[in-house]
Amino acid sequence: MNLAETIYQKSLDLPEDKAVEVIDFIDFLKNRTRPNQPGLHDINHHAGKLALSCLDLIKEDIGVIENAPSDLSTNPAYLKGYGE
């Protein structure tokens, strides 16, 4: 029996609500290992089911801009005049 068959066999006796959790977890794993950031459909699909933070959604983009300050909020000079 291969791995997919083992997963299938183990899922057969799960209650429906637990089977839905398994499907959601599989979707989560697929999205987590995708090379690209999840799209809005993926985020909305998991809304309320999985705790995706803003950091989870942008972690692949952190540090991609060269020569940018590390954190604009820590240096008030960067924000001087903003909103005036």
C-alpha atoms as a PDB file:
ATOM      1  CA  MET A   1       0.000   0.000   0.000  1.00  0.00           C
ATOM      2  CA  ASN A   2       1.463   3.389  -0.979  1.00  0.00           C
ATOM      3  CA  LEU A   3       1.287   6.545   1.128  1.00  0.00           C
ATOM      4  CA  ALA A   4      -1.783   7.983  -0.623  1.00  0.00           C
ATOM      5  CA  GLU A   5      -3.672   4.722  -0.095  1.00  0.00           C
ATOM      6  CA  THR A   6      -2.679   4.677   3.583  1.00  0.00           C
ATOM      7  CA  ILE A   7      -3.976   8.231   4.037  1.00  0.00           C
ATOM      8  CA  TYR A   8      -7.198   7.275   2.255  1.00  0.00           C
ATOM      9  CA  GLN A   9      -7.724   4.134   4.351  1.00  0.00           C
ATOM     10  CA  LYS A  10      -7.126   5.996   7.613  1.00  0.00           C
ATOM     11  CA  SER A  11      -9.590   8.713   6.586  1.00  0.00           C
ATOM     12  CA  LEU A  12     -12.464   6.309   5.894  1.00  0.00           C
ATOM     13  CA  ASP A  13     -13.579   5.974   9.501  1.00  0.00           C
ATOM     14  CA  LEU A  14     -13.274   9.662  10.405  1.00  0.00           C
ATOM     15  CA  PRO A  15     -16.411  11.644  11.236  1.00  0.00           C
ATOM     16  CA  GLU A  16     -17.275  14.153   8.509  1.00  0.00           C
ATOM     17  CA  ASP A  17     -16.141  17.206  10.501  1.00  0.00           C
ATOM     18  CA  LYS A  18     -12.720  15.608  11.094  1.00  0.00           C
ATOM     19  CA  ALA A  19     -12.433  14.650   7.411  1.00  0.00           C
ATOM     20  CA  VAL A  20     -13.044  18.314   6.496  1.00  0.00           C
ATOM     21  CA  GLU A  21     -10.239  19.299   8.893  1.00  0.00           C
ATOM     22  CA  VAL A  22      -7.923  16.841   7.144  1.00  0.00           C
ATOM     23  CA  ILE A  23      -8.782  18.363   3.756  1.00  0.00           C
ATOM     24  CA  ASP A  24      -8.170  21.869   5.123  1.00  0.00           C
ATOM     25  CA  PHE A  25      -4.829  20.761   6.555  1.00  0.00           C
ATOM     26  CA  ILE A  26      -3.776  19.221   3.237  1.00  0.00           C
ATOM     27  CA  ASP A  27      -4.714  22.480   1.479  1.00  0.00           C
ATOM     28  CA  PHE A  28      -2.732  24.415   4.087  1.00  0.00           C
ATOM     29  CA  LEU A  29       0.340  22.241   3.499  1.00  0.00           C
ATOM     30  CA  LYS A  30       0.048  22.669  -0.264  1.00  0.00           C
ATOM     31  CA  ASN A  31      -0.194  26.457   0.077  1.00  0.00           C
ATOM     32  CA  ARG A  32       2.670  26.622   2.546  1.00  0.00           C
ATOM     33  CA  THR A  33       5.035  24.806   0.210  1.00  0.00           C
ATOM     34  CA  ARG A  34       4.007  26.649  -2.959  1.00  0.00           C
ATOM     35  CA  PRO A  35       6.746  28.826  -4.406  1.00  0.00           C
ATOM     36  CA  ASN A  36       4.396  31.828  -4.639  1.00  0.00           C
ATOM     37  CA  GLN A  37       2.489  33.655  -1.966  1.00  0.00           C
ATOM     38  CA  PRO A  38      -1.115  32.497  -1.427  1.00  0.00           C
ATOM     39  CA  GLY A  39      -3.720  34.376  -3.450  1.00  0.00           C
ATOM     40  CA  LEU A  40      -6.895  35.951  -2.090  1.00  0.00           C
ATOM     41  CA  HIS A  41      -8.877  32.791  -2.826  1.00  0.00           C
ATOM     42  CA  ASP A  42      -6.523  30.784  -0.614  1.00  0.00           C
ATOM     43  CA  ILE A  43      -6.686  33.354   2.180  1.00  0.00           C
ATOM     44  CA  ASN A  44     -10.475  33.536   2.074  1.00  0.00           C
ATOM     45  CA  HIS A  45     -10.741  29.754   1.967  1.00  0.00           C
ATOM     46  CA  HIS A  46      -8.802  29.479   5.210  1.00  0.00           C
ATOM     47  CA  ALA A  47     -10.353  32.515   6.922  1.00  0.00           C
ATOM     48  CA  GLY A  48     -11.521  31.421  10.334  1.00  0.00           C
ATOM     49  CA  LYS A  49     -10.137  27.906   9.894  1.00  0.00           C
ATOM     50  CA  LEU A  50      -6.402  28.497  10.081  1.00  0.00           C
ATOM     51  CA  ALA A  51      -4.563  31.322  11.769  1.00  0.00           C
ATOM     52  CA  LEU A  52      -2.638  32.890   8.888  1.00  0.00           C
ATOM     53  CA  SER A  53      -0.830  35.986  10.083  1.00  0.00           C
ATOM     54  CA  CYS A  54       0.236  38.929   7.945  1.00  0.00           C
ATOM     55  CA  LEU A  55       3.807  37.731   8.435  1.00  0.00           C
ATOM     56  CA  ASP A  56       2.867  34.302   7.034  1.00  0.00           C
ATOM     57  CA  LEU A  57       1.470  35.984   3.932  1.00  0.00           C
ATOM     58  CA  ILE A  58       4.459  38.248   3.221  1.00  0.00           C
ATOM     59  CA  LYS A  59       7.410  36.247   4.584  1.00  0.00           C
ATOM     60  CA  GLU A  60       8.694  35.406   1.102  1.00  0.00           C
ATOM     61  CA  ASP A  61       8.859  39.120   0.258  1.00  0.00           C
ATOM     62  CA  ILE A  62      10.791  40.246   3.343  1.00  0.00           C
ATOM     63  CA  GLY A  63      14.190  41.636   2.427  1.00  0.00           C
ATOM     64  CA  VAL A  64      13.682  41.753  -1.348  1.00  0.00           C
ATOM     65  CA  ILE A  65      14.163  45.537  -1.597  1.00  0.00           C
ATOM     66  CA  GLU A  66      17.845  46.430  -1.544  1.00  0.00           C
ATOM     67  CA  ASN A  67      19.169  49.434   0.408  1.00  0.00           C
ATOM     68  CA  ALA A  68      15.859  49.978   2.206  1.00  0.00           C
ATOM     69  CA  PRO A  69      15.780  50.869   5.897  1.00  0.00           C
ATOM     70  CA  SER A  70      15.117  47.843   8.054  1.00  0.00           C
ATOM     71  CA  ASP A  71      12.105  49.376   9.792  1.00  0.00           C
ATOM     72  CA  LEU A  72      10.633  52.768   8.924  1.00  0.00           C
ATOM     73  CA  SER A  73       8.722  52.969  12.199  1.00  0.00           C
ATOM     74  CA  THR A  74      11.893  53.061  14.323  1.00  0.00           C
ATOM     75  CA  ASN A  75      13.281  56.253  12.763  1.00  0.00           C
ATOM     76  CA  PRO A  76      10.962  59.274  12.931  1.00  0.00           C
ATOM     77  CA  ALA A  77      13.030  61.077  10.275  1.00  0.00           C
ATOM     78  CA  TYR A  78      11.636  58.722   7.625  1.00  0.00           C
ATOM     79  CA  LEU A  79       8.100  59.747   8.561  1.00  0.00           C
ATOM     80  CA  LYS A  80       8.761  63.503   8.887  1.00  0.00           C
ATOM     81  CA  GLY A  81       6.123  65.440   6.973  1.00  0.00           C
ATOM     82  CA  TYR A  82       3.997  62.354   6.340  1.00  0.00           C
ATOM     83  CA  GLY A  83       0.295  63.171   6.384  1.00  0.00           C
ATOM     84  CA  GLU A  84       0.752  66.936   6.334  1.00  0.00           C
END
